Amino acid sequence: MATSEATRPTGQPLQLLLPLPTERPRGWALLTQERPRPERIRGQSWAWRLAVAAVCFGAFMGQLDASIVTLTYQSLGTAFHAGPAAVEWVSLSYLLVLIALLVPAGRFSDVHGRKLMYLYGFAVFTAGSAACGLAPGLGILVAFRIVQAVGAALMQANSVALVSTSAPSGKMRTALGMQAAGQAIGLALGPTIGGALVATVGWRWVFLINVPVGIVALVAGHYLLPRTRQGLGTAGVDAVGVLLLGAASTAAMLGLSISSGLGLPVWTAALLFAAAVGAGWAFVRRQRGHTAPLIDLKLLRRGGIAPGLVGGLCGYLVLFGPLVLVPVVLARHGGSALEAGLVLTALPLGFALAATLGDRLLPNDWSDRARCTAGAAGCVAALGLLAALPMTSDVLPVSLGLLGLALGVFTPANNTLVMRAIPGSSAGTGGGMVNMGRGMGTALGVAAVTLTLHLLPGAAGARTVAVVLLAFALLALTMSRSRSGAGQ
């Protein structure tokens, strides 16, 4: 059972919603009960900043892994004699498991403790990273990526919830901006570190580098994260719903991979797309009639949550599309993995700058909705430049940097609007939904770019990718403007 801390992040007394243990946990309780922060930490008014900093380790690690893996595609293809449609499953297998598990992991954590599940997630992710670095073949590597994804689901489902419940209400956007900055730093370092590792010690260290970061994050989380202050009565996880969601997303991505040259007959792609539609339809019907739905469709209609989730999906599709596109484009012109990594750094670096400095540079009277709209409009402008300008190593950083700045304005404000509309007792579930949208956007970004470049090789394919990304940025802008309540 989740437990509660005796103080809010502001230091004010909190009515206990769940019982505190009367003595130090022993035996099995050490593994099933959340441990409190030291009194000298939780009693301070700035304790919430330390909690957010601890979550930033997870944000950093997850995005470092996500951005670094795209730099290994060509090395993995050479090492395991596999084509791009097979190698992309190093990313897609991870993302599909993440998509299926994020919401149930959030709901499970709402009951059993967000801090506890977050730390378990780190342990599993770190162990999975070590196994990936030692994998002898592509199939085994994909299997270990699934293990990584299970740990990542527990981490990511709780990251937004831990931030939003740790910070005072007036500091939520600042706290979520700090988390977004942690993600952006991971993204910024990922391409450079990944390019350097692939070019020197090899692709295995792309995964092994997660191990020391994970160990530091586990220690920091144990001492700095607060225990869960609110919990639900029962887990109420819809297992059939999880299977249907996983089936729909996996069938759709497999269909896209076959269309991208996976090596199977084209008719199998048509069958998989039909299966994805059928599983998706069954999933929606089940959610409407289930007493404890995996995704509460009524909740999606509350306070602009659905537009915010769609906008978040588009934002991450736009973010990860270039991470797949740019290494391919530069490799065709003789560029190295290190050069691609350095060029790509402009995108997440811009993200980090905007996420950390946005509150200081943008007008104080701008609402979160206005920030969303401005950020989405900036994405449209930046992708217009990407489509129009030459895709060379000296020009690409301009459009990528502007895109990063725009996403750094859009993402924290968008997440704040979503999380404010979700009840505190369901913060883990809501955080899972936010991160599920991110995972879907990332998976679609990887798959859509791979498919487009397969169908249209050469410069025409690269331009088409830029136009596709531009269309999703326009959708994010539309979602931002469609929110109800201009003052939000």
Protein backbone atom coordinates (compact mmCIF):
# COMPACT_ATOMS: atom_id res chain seq x y z
CA MET A 1 0.00 0.00 0.00
CA ALA A 2 1.26 3.49 -0.82
CA THR A 3 2.17 5.72 2.09
CA SER A 4 2.07 9.46 2.67
CA GLU A 5 4.55 12.05 3.84
CA ALA A 6 3.65 14.35 6.66
CA THR A 7 4.37 17.61 4.87
CA ARG A 8 3.63 19.26 1.57
CA PRO A 9 6.55 20.53 -0.55
CA THR A 10 5.82 23.99 0.87
CA GLY A 11 6.29 22.73 4.42
CA GLN A 12 2.60 23.10 5.36
CA PRO A 13 0.86 20.27 7.25
CA LEU A 14 -0.96 17.74 5.09
CA GLN A 15 -3.94 15.67 6.14
CA LEU A 16 -2.81 12.07 5.86
CA LEU A 17 -4.76 10.15 3.25
CA LEU A 18 -2.97 6.85 3.81
CA PRO A 19 -1.50 5.35 7.00
CA LEU A 20 2.16 5.80 7.84
CA PRO A 21 4.10 2.81 9.19
CA THR A 22 4.93 3.11 12.85
CA GLU A 23 8.35 1.49 12.56
CA ARG A 24 11.12 1.06 10.02
CA PRO A 25 10.14 -1.51 7.36
CA ARG A 26 11.84 -4.88 7.60
CA GLY A 27 11.98 -8.01 5.49
CA TRP A 28 9.44 -8.07 2.64
CA ALA A 29 8.25 -4.61 3.62
CA LEU A 30 11.61 -3.21 2.48
CA LEU A 31 10.62 -4.14 -1.08
CA THR A 32 6.93 -3.21 -0.92
CA GLN A 33 6.79 0.03 1.09
CA GLU A 34 8.01 3.46 0.08
CA ARG A 35 10.76 4.88 2.25
CA PRO A 36 10.53 8.51 3.44
CA ARG A 37 13.02 11.21 2.61
CA PRO A 38 15.34 12.17 5.47
CA GLU A 39 13.71 14.71 7.78
CA ARG A 40 16.42 17.30 7.09
CA ILE A 41 15.41 17.22 3.41
CA ARG A 42 11.62 16.95 3.45
CA GLY A 43 11.25 19.70 6.04
CA GLN A 44 12.80 22.31 3.75
CA SER A 45 10.76 24.67 1.55
CA TRP A 46 13.04 23.86 -1.40
CA ALA A 47 12.67 20.09 -1.06
CA TRP A 48 10.43 20.00 -4.14
CA ARG A 49 13.32 21.26 -6.25
CA LEU A 50 15.45 18.31 -5.15
CA ALA A 51 12.59 15.94 -5.98
CA VAL A 52 12.27 17.43 -9.46
CA ALA A 53 16.05 17.23 -9.89
CA ALA A 54 15.91 13.52 -9.06
CA VAL A 55 13.18 13.00 -11.67
CA CYS A 56 15.39 14.85 -14.15
CA PHE A 57 17.83 11.95 -13.93
CA GLY A 58 15.14 9.72 -15.38
CA ALA A 59 14.17 12.31 -17.97
CA PHE A 60 17.82 12.65 -18.95
CA MET A 61 18.42 8.91 -19.11
CA GLY A 62 15.29 8.11 -21.10
CA GLN A 63 15.90 10.75 -23.75
CA LEU A 64 19.64 10.05 -23.90
CA ASP A 65 18.75 6.46 -24.73
CA ALA A 66 16.06 7.45 -27.23
CA SER A 67 18.26 9.87 -29.18
CA ILE A 68 21.45 7.85 -28.96
CA VAL A 69 19.97 4.65 -30.41
CA THR A 70 19.14 6.25 -33.78
CA LEU A 71 22.90 6.75 -34.34
CA THR A 72 23.49 2.97 -34.13
CA TYR A 73 21.24 1.97 -37.01
CA GLN A 74 23.92 1.78 -39.67
CA SER A 75 26.41 0.04 -37.37
CA LEU A 76 23.79 -2.50 -36.30
CA GLY A 77 22.85 -3.15 -39.92
CA THR A 78 26.51 -3.84 -40.75
CA ALA A 79 27.18 -5.94 -37.63
CA PHE A 80 24.08 -8.13 -37.99
CA HIS A 81 23.67 -8.00 -41.80
CA ALA A 82 20.19 -6.49 -41.53
CA GLY A 83 18.30 -3.82 -43.47
CA PRO A 84 16.80 -0.58 -42.10
CA ALA A 85 13.30 -2.08 -41.74
CA ALA A 86 14.69 -4.78 -39.43
CA VAL A 87 17.09 -2.53 -37.51
CA GLU A 88 14.37 0.02 -36.72
CA TRP A 89 12.79 -2.60 -34.44
CA VAL A 90 15.55 -1.88 -31.95
CA SER A 91 13.57 1.32 -31.40
CA LEU A 92 10.05 0.16 -32.28
CA SER A 93 10.01 -2.88 -29.97
CA TYR A 94 10.93 -0.58 -27.09
CA LEU A 95 8.36 2.04 -28.03
CA LEU A 96 5.47 -0.38 -28.58
CA VAL A 97 5.90 -2.02 -25.17
CA LEU A 98 6.19 1.44 -23.66
CA ILE A 99 2.94 2.57 -25.30
CA ALA A 100 1.04 -0.51 -24.08
CA LEU A 101 2.31 -0.34 -20.48
CA LEU A 102 2.45 3.37 -19.63
CA VAL A 103 -1.17 3.83 -18.54
CA PRO A 104 -1.50 0.54 -16.60
CA ALA A 105 1.89 1.23 -14.99
CA GLY A 106 0.63 4.66 -13.94
CA ARG A 107 -2.57 3.21 -12.49
CA PHE A 108 -0.66 0.46 -10.67
CA SER A 109 1.67 3.09 -9.26
CA ASP A 110 -1.22 5.27 -8.06
CA VAL A 111 -2.07 2.36 -5.76
CA HIS A 112 1.27 0.89 -4.76
CA GLY A 113 3.39 4.03 -4.64
CA ARG A 114 4.79 6.23 -7.40
CA LYS A 115 8.21 6.55 -5.79
CA LEU A 116 8.48 2.79 -5.26
CA MET A 117 7.50 1.92 -8.83
CA TYR A 118 9.71 4.67 -10.24
CA LEU A 119 12.75 3.22 -8.47
CA TYR A 120 11.89 -0.31 -9.57
CA GLY A 121 11.61 1.00 -13.09
CA PHE A 122 15.10 2.45 -12.88
CA ALA A 123 16.51 -0.85 -11.64
CA VAL A 124 14.90 -2.84 -14.49
CA PHE A 125 15.91 -0.26 -17.11
CA THR A 126 19.52 -0.23 -15.92
CA ALA A 127 19.74 -4.03 -15.92
CA GLY A 128 18.14 -4.16 -19.37
CA SER A 129 20.67 -1.62 -20.66
CA ALA A 130 23.55 -3.80 -19.50
CA ALA A 131 21.97 -6.82 -21.22
CA CYS A 132 21.50 -4.87 -24.47
CA GLY A 133 25.18 -3.95 -24.45
CA LEU A 134 26.10 -7.64 -24.28
CA ALA A 135 23.53 -8.94 -26.82
CA PRO A 136 25.07 -11.40 -29.35
CA GLY A 137 22.46 -10.90 -32.09
CA LEU A 138 19.80 -8.54 -33.39
CA GLY A 139 16.87 -10.70 -32.21
CA ILE A 140 18.26 -10.94 -28.68
CA LEU A 141 18.98 -7.22 -28.67
CA VAL A 142 15.35 -6.54 -29.57
CA ALA A 143 14.23 -8.86 -26.74
CA PHE A 144 16.38 -7.02 -24.20
CA ARG A 145 15.01 -3.72 -25.49
CA ILE A 146 11.60 -5.02 -24.44
CA VAL A 147 12.99 -5.56 -20.92
CA GLN A 148 14.30 -2.01 -21.00
CA ALA A 149 10.86 -0.79 -22.03
CA VAL A 150 9.17 -2.45 -19.03
CA GLY A 151 11.48 -0.49 -16.74
CA ALA A 152 11.03 2.67 -18.77
CA ALA A 153 7.23 2.35 -18.49
CA LEU A 154 7.46 2.36 -14.69
CA MET A 155 9.81 5.35 -14.83
CA GLN A 156 7.95 7.45 -17.36
CA ALA A 157 4.46 6.72 -16.05
CA ASN A 158 5.51 8.26 -12.75
CA SER A 159 7.87 11.02 -13.84
CA VAL A 160 5.22 13.65 -14.66
CA ALA A 161 3.13 12.59 -11.66
CA LEU A 162 6.08 12.90 -9.26
CA VAL A 163 6.90 16.36 -10.61
CA SER A 164 3.31 17.65 -10.58
CA THR A 165 2.57 16.33 -7.07
CA SER A 166 5.92 17.43 -5.58
CA ALA A 167 5.85 21.05 -6.74
CA PRO A 168 3.55 23.72 -5.27
CA SER A 169 0.67 24.48 -7.63
CA GLY A 170 2.11 27.86 -8.59
CA LYS A 171 5.42 26.27 -9.56
CA MET A 172 4.08 23.40 -11.68
CA ARG A 173 5.02 24.87 -15.05
CA THR A 174 8.50 25.72 -13.72
CA ALA A 175 8.90 22.17 -12.42
CA LEU A 176 7.69 20.61 -15.67
CA GLY A 177 10.03 22.96 -17.52
CA MET A 178 12.92 21.64 -15.42
CA GLN A 179 11.90 18.10 -16.33
CA ALA A 180 11.65 19.04 -20.00
CA ALA A 181 15.12 20.57 -19.74
CA GLY A 182 16.44 17.30 -18.32
CA GLN A 183 14.92 15.51 -21.31
CA ALA A 184 16.39 18.06 -23.66
CA ILE A 185 19.89 17.75 -22.18
CA GLY A 186 19.66 13.98 -22.69
CA LEU A 187 18.53 14.55 -26.25
CA ALA A 188 21.25 17.16 -26.80
CA LEU A 189 24.05 14.94 -25.52
CA GLY A 190 22.63 11.79 -27.13
CA PRO A 191 23.56 12.46 -30.77
CA THR A 192 27.04 13.77 -29.89
CA ILE A 193 27.81 11.01 -27.40
CA GLY A 194 26.23 8.39 -29.63
CA GLY A 195 28.18 9.51 -32.68
CA ALA A 196 31.43 9.54 -30.69
CA LEU A 197 30.80 6.11 -29.14
CA VAL A 198 29.83 4.49 -32.44
CA ALA A 199 32.86 5.99 -34.16
CA THR A 200 35.30 4.90 -31.42
CA VAL A 201 34.42 2.06 -29.03
CA GLY A 202 31.39 0.72 -30.92
CA TRP A 203 27.58 0.53 -30.66
CA ARG A 204 27.51 -1.63 -27.51
CA TRP A 205 28.59 1.31 -25.37
CA VAL A 206 25.54 3.22 -26.54
CA PHE A 207 23.60 0.95 -24.16
CA LEU A 208 26.26 0.37 -21.51
CA ILE A 209 26.54 4.12 -20.85
CA ASN A 210 23.10 3.95 -19.20
CA VAL A 211 24.41 1.78 -16.36
CA PRO A 212 26.40 4.36 -14.32
CA VAL A 213 23.71 7.01 -14.86
CA GLY A 214 21.07 4.56 -13.63
CA ILE A 215 23.00 3.74 -10.46
CA VAL A 216 23.36 7.43 -9.57
CA ALA A 217 19.66 8.01 -10.28
CA LEU A 218 18.58 5.13 -8.02
CA VAL A 219 20.52 6.55 -5.08
CA ALA A 220 19.23 10.09 -5.71
CA GLY A 221 15.63 8.90 -6.04
CA HIS A 222 15.77 6.94 -2.80
CA TYR A 223 16.80 9.99 -0.76
CA LEU A 224 15.12 12.86 -2.62
CA LEU A 225 11.73 11.68 -3.91
CA PRO A 226 8.62 12.07 -1.69
CA ARG A 227 6.32 9.21 -0.87
CA THR A 228 2.90 9.06 -2.51
CA ARG A 229 0.42 11.41 -0.85
CA GLN A 230 -2.74 10.14 -2.51
CA GLY A 231 -3.79 6.67 -3.62
CA LEU A 232 -6.67 4.81 -5.16
CA GLY A 233 -8.47 1.90 -3.54
CA THR A 234 -7.69 -0.77 -6.09
CA ALA A 235 -5.46 -1.07 -9.13
CA GLY A 236 -8.30 -1.86 -11.54
CA VAL A 237 -5.97 -2.58 -14.49
CA ASP A 238 -7.83 -3.80 -17.57
CA ALA A 239 -5.56 -6.62 -18.79
CA VAL A 240 -7.64 -7.27 -21.92
CA GLY A 241 -7.47 -3.56 -22.73
CA VAL A 242 -3.66 -3.68 -22.42
CA LEU A 243 -3.53 -6.61 -24.86
CA LEU A 244 -5.85 -4.90 -27.35
CA LEU A 245 -3.86 -1.66 -27.23
CA GLY A 246 -0.60 -3.55 -27.66
CA ALA A 247 -2.04 -5.59 -30.53
CA ALA A 248 -3.33 -2.50 -32.35
CA SER A 249 -0.08 -0.53 -32.07
CA THR A 250 2.18 -3.51 -32.85
CA ALA A 251 0.15 -4.56 -35.90
CA ALA A 252 0.20 -1.01 -37.24
CA MET A 253 3.98 -0.66 -36.80
CA LEU A 254 4.64 -4.09 -38.30
CA GLY A 255 2.54 -3.11 -41.30
CA LEU A 256 4.58 0.07 -41.71
CA SER A 257 7.84 -1.91 -41.40
CA ILE A 258 6.76 -4.38 -44.09
CA SER A 259 5.88 -1.46 -46.30
CA SER A 260 9.37 -0.08 -45.57
CA GLY A 261 11.14 -3.18 -46.93
CA LEU A 262 11.13 -5.68 -44.07
CA GLY A 263 11.15 -8.55 -46.58
CA LEU A 264 7.65 -9.99 -46.19
CA PRO A 265 4.90 -10.01 -48.88
CA VAL A 266 2.94 -6.78 -49.26
CA TRP A 267 -0.35 -8.58 -48.59
CA THR A 268 0.80 -9.29 -45.01
CA ALA A 269 1.00 -5.53 -44.46
CA ALA A 270 -2.63 -5.16 -45.57
CA LEU A 271 -3.68 -7.90 -43.13
CA LEU A 272 -1.77 -6.25 -40.31
CA PHE A 273 -3.33 -2.85 -40.98
CA ALA A 274 -6.79 -4.51 -40.92
CA ALA A 275 -5.89 -6.23 -37.64
CA ALA A 276 -4.75 -2.89 -36.20
CA VAL A 277 -8.07 -1.27 -37.10
CA GLY A 278 -10.02 -4.20 -35.63
CA ALA A 279 -8.03 -4.26 -32.40
CA GLY A 280 -8.32 -0.48 -32.08
CA TRP A 281 -12.11 -0.62 -32.56
CA ALA A 282 -12.40 -3.40 -29.97
CA PHE A 283 -10.22 -1.40 -27.56
CA VAL A 284 -12.46 1.69 -27.81
CA ARG A 285 -15.63 -0.38 -27.32
CA ARG A 286 -14.15 -2.08 -24.27
CA GLN A 287 -13.09 1.23 -22.73
CA ARG A 288 -16.63 2.59 -23.12
CA GLY A 289 -18.22 -0.33 -21.30
CA HIS A 290 -15.58 -1.26 -18.71
CA THR A 291 -16.01 -0.26 -15.07
CA ALA A 292 -12.28 0.45 -14.71
CA PRO A 293 -11.15 1.39 -18.24
CA LEU A 294 -7.50 1.57 -19.15
CA ILE A 295 -8.15 4.99 -20.70
CA ASP A 296 -11.14 6.83 -19.26
CA LEU A 297 -12.80 8.29 -22.36
CA LYS A 298 -14.87 10.61 -20.16
CA LEU A 299 -11.66 11.97 -18.66
CA LEU A 300 -10.37 12.72 -22.17
CA ARG A 301 -13.29 15.09 -22.70
CA ARG A 302 -12.41 17.07 -19.59
CA GLY A 303 -10.67 20.46 -19.81
CA GLY A 304 -8.92 19.98 -23.16
CA ILE A 305 -7.07 16.82 -22.14
CA ALA A 306 -7.60 15.10 -25.51
CA PRO A 307 -6.27 18.04 -27.60
CA GLY A 308 -3.29 18.24 -25.24
CA LEU A 309 -2.47 14.54 -25.69
CA VAL A 310 -2.78 14.81 -29.49
CA GLY A 311 -0.59 17.90 -29.42
CA GLY A 312 2.01 16.07 -27.31
CA LEU A 313 2.00 13.17 -29.80
CA CYS A 314 2.60 15.58 -32.69
CA GLY A 315 5.35 17.37 -30.77
CA TYR A 316 7.35 14.20 -30.21
CA LEU A 317 6.79 13.01 -33.77
CA VAL A 318 8.23 16.32 -34.96
CA LEU A 319 11.08 16.01 -32.46
CA PHE A 320 12.16 12.46 -33.35
CA GLY A 321 11.57 12.58 -37.10
CA PRO A 322 14.75 14.64 -37.73
CA LEU A 323 16.77 12.33 -35.44
CA VAL A 324 16.16 9.53 -37.96
CA LEU A 325 16.26 11.71 -41.09
CA VAL A 326 19.47 13.70 -40.59
CA PRO A 327 21.94 10.78 -40.17
CA VAL A 328 20.58 9.20 -43.37
CA VAL A 329 20.78 12.46 -45.35
CA LEU A 330 24.32 13.26 -44.21
CA ALA A 331 25.53 9.67 -44.75
CA ARG A 332 24.45 9.95 -48.39
CA HIS A 333 26.84 12.89 -48.70
CA GLY A 334 29.71 11.02 -47.02
CA GLY A 335 29.13 12.36 -43.51
CA SER A 336 30.09 10.35 -40.42
CA ALA A 337 28.00 9.38 -37.40
CA LEU A 338 29.94 11.94 -35.34
CA GLU A 339 29.15 14.71 -37.84
CA ALA A 340 25.46 13.75 -37.78
CA GLY A 341 25.49 13.81 -34.00
CA LEU A 342 27.02 17.27 -33.87
CA VAL A 343 24.48 18.63 -36.36
CA LEU A 344 21.55 17.07 -34.51
CA THR A 345 22.68 18.62 -31.23
CA ALA A 346 21.18 21.94 -32.36
CA LEU A 347 17.64 20.52 -32.04
CA PRO A 348 17.65 19.37 -28.39
CA LEU A 349 19.97 22.21 -27.38
CA GLY A 350 17.34 24.69 -28.54
CA PHE A 351 14.75 22.63 -26.68
CA ALA A 352 16.78 22.82 -23.46
CA LEU A 353 17.33 26.58 -23.71
CA ALA A 354 13.64 27.32 -24.28
CA ALA A 355 12.45 24.90 -21.58
CA THR A 356 14.74 26.43 -18.96
CA LEU A 357 14.64 30.12 -19.94
CA GLY A 358 11.12 30.38 -21.39
CA ASP A 359 9.56 31.67 -18.16
CA ARG A 360 12.10 34.51 -18.01
CA LEU A 361 12.06 35.53 -21.66
CA LEU A 362 8.37 35.20 -22.54
CA PRO A 363 5.82 37.77 -21.25
CA ASN A 364 4.66 36.97 -17.72
CA ASP A 365 1.02 37.46 -18.62
CA TRP A 366 1.06 34.78 -21.32
CA SER A 367 -1.18 31.87 -20.38
CA ASP A 368 -0.12 28.26 -20.92
CA ARG A 369 -2.52 28.10 -23.84
CA ALA A 370 -0.84 31.12 -25.44
CA ARG A 371 2.57 29.50 -24.95
CA CYS A 372 1.31 26.30 -26.59
CA THR A 373 0.04 28.24 -29.58
CA ALA A 374 3.27 30.24 -29.93
CA GLY A 375 5.41 27.11 -29.66
CA ALA A 376 3.36 25.19 -32.23
CA ALA A 377 3.48 28.17 -34.62
CA GLY A 378 7.26 28.24 -34.19
CA CYS A 379 7.42 24.55 -35.12
CA VAL A 380 5.50 25.27 -38.32
CA ALA A 381 7.91 28.08 -39.25
CA ALA A 382 11.03 25.99 -38.48
CA LEU A 383 9.82 23.00 -40.49
CA GLY A 384 8.98 25.29 -43.36
CA LEU A 385 12.65 26.32 -43.36
CA LEU A 386 13.74 22.67 -43.13
CA ALA A 387 11.70 21.88 -46.25
CA ALA A 388 12.95 24.92 -48.17
CA LEU A 389 16.66 25.14 -47.27
CA PRO A 390 19.45 22.79 -48.40
CA MET A 391 19.91 19.80 -46.06
CA THR A 392 23.64 20.21 -45.53
CA SER A 393 25.71 20.16 -42.34
CA ASP A 394 26.24 23.94 -42.38
CA VAL A 395 22.55 24.84 -42.95
CA LEU A 396 20.63 22.17 -41.03
CA PRO A 397 21.57 23.49 -37.53
CA VAL A 398 19.61 26.70 -38.24
CA SER A 399 16.23 25.06 -38.84
CA LEU A 400 16.87 22.34 -36.24
CA GLY A 401 17.80 24.92 -33.59
CA LEU A 402 14.67 26.97 -34.27
CA LEU A 403 12.57 23.81 -34.11
CA GLY A 404 14.10 22.94 -30.75
CA LEU A 405 13.36 26.41 -29.36
CA ALA A 406 9.73 26.16 -30.47
CA LEU A 407 9.28 22.68 -28.98
CA GLY A 408 10.86 23.88 -25.73
CA VAL A 409 8.14 26.52 -25.44
CA PHE A 410 5.33 24.19 -26.48
CA THR A 411 6.03 21.04 -24.45
CA PRO A 412 6.11 22.29 -20.80
CA ALA A 413 3.02 24.45 -21.31
CA ASN A 414 1.15 21.62 -23.02
CA ASN A 415 2.00 19.16 -20.24
CA THR A 416 0.98 21.67 -17.58
CA LEU A 417 -2.47 22.13 -19.13
CA VAL A 418 -3.01 18.36 -19.29
CA MET A 419 -1.85 17.62 -15.75
CA ARG A 420 -3.86 20.49 -14.21
CA ALA A 421 -7.01 19.00 -15.71
CA ILE A 422 -6.37 15.55 -14.17
CA PRO A 423 -7.41 14.80 -10.54
CA GLY A 424 -4.48 14.43 -8.15
CA SER A 425 -5.51 10.90 -7.18
CA SER A 426 -5.09 9.87 -10.84
CA ALA A 427 -1.81 11.72 -11.43
CA GLY A 428 0.03 8.49 -12.23
CA THR A 429 -2.63 7.47 -14.74
CA GLY A 430 -2.56 10.95 -16.27
CA GLY A 431 1.23 10.96 -16.42
CA GLY A 432 1.06 7.59 -18.15
CA MET A 433 -1.33 9.03 -20.74
CA VAL A 434 1.00 11.99 -21.37
CA ASN A 435 3.97 9.70 -21.86
CA MET A 436 1.93 7.23 -23.94
CA GLY A 437 1.22 10.10 -26.34
CA ARG A 438 4.95 10.85 -26.42
CA GLY A 439 5.74 7.20 -27.12
CA MET A 440 3.21 7.03 -29.94
CA GLY A 441 4.63 10.20 -31.46
CA THR A 442 8.18 8.87 -31.23
CA ALA A 443 7.23 5.50 -32.77
CA LEU A 444 5.33 7.18 -35.60
CA GLY A 445 8.25 9.53 -36.20
CA VAL A 446 10.69 6.61 -36.57
CA ALA A 447 8.32 4.52 -38.70
CA ALA A 448 7.05 7.34 -40.92
CA VAL A 449 10.54 8.62 -41.76
CA THR A 450 11.79 5.09 -42.52
CA LEU A 451 8.78 4.40 -44.76
CA THR A 452 9.06 7.70 -46.63
CA LEU A 453 12.78 7.29 -47.29
CA HIS A 454 12.15 3.72 -48.51
CA LEU A 455 9.43 4.79 -50.93
CA LEU A 456 11.22 7.97 -52.08
CA PRO A 457 15.00 7.52 -51.86
CA GLY A 458 17.20 10.51 -52.38
CA ALA A 459 16.53 14.23 -52.04
CA ALA A 460 12.83 13.85 -52.90
CA GLY A 461 12.30 11.58 -49.89
CA ALA A 462 14.05 13.97 -47.52
CA ARG A 463 11.90 16.89 -48.72
CA THR A 464 8.77 14.76 -48.36
CA VAL A 465 9.72 13.89 -44.77
CA ALA A 466 10.02 17.61 -43.99
CA VAL A 467 6.55 18.23 -45.46
CA VAL A 468 5.06 15.35 -43.43
CA LEU A 469 6.58 16.76 -40.24
CA LEU A 470 5.22 20.19 -41.17
CA ALA A 471 1.71 18.70 -41.45
CA PHE A 472 1.94 17.30 -37.92
CA ALA A 473 3.19 20.64 -36.60
CA LEU A 474 0.11 22.25 -38.15
CA LEU A 475 -2.04 19.66 -36.37
CA ALA A 476 -0.36 20.55 -33.05
CA LEU A 477 -1.11 24.21 -33.74
CA THR A 478 -4.75 23.36 -34.45
CA MET A 479 -5.02 21.39 -31.19
CA SER A 480 -3.51 24.29 -29.24
CA ARG A 481 -6.02 26.76 -30.65
CA SER A 482 -8.97 24.39 -30.09
CA ARG A 483 -8.58 24.20 -26.30
CA SER A 484 -11.46 25.57 -24.29
CA GLY A 485 -10.66 28.33 -21.82
CA ALA A 486 -8.26 30.88 -23.21
CA GLY A 487 -7.09 31.77 -19.75
CA GLN A 488 -5.71 28.37 -18.93
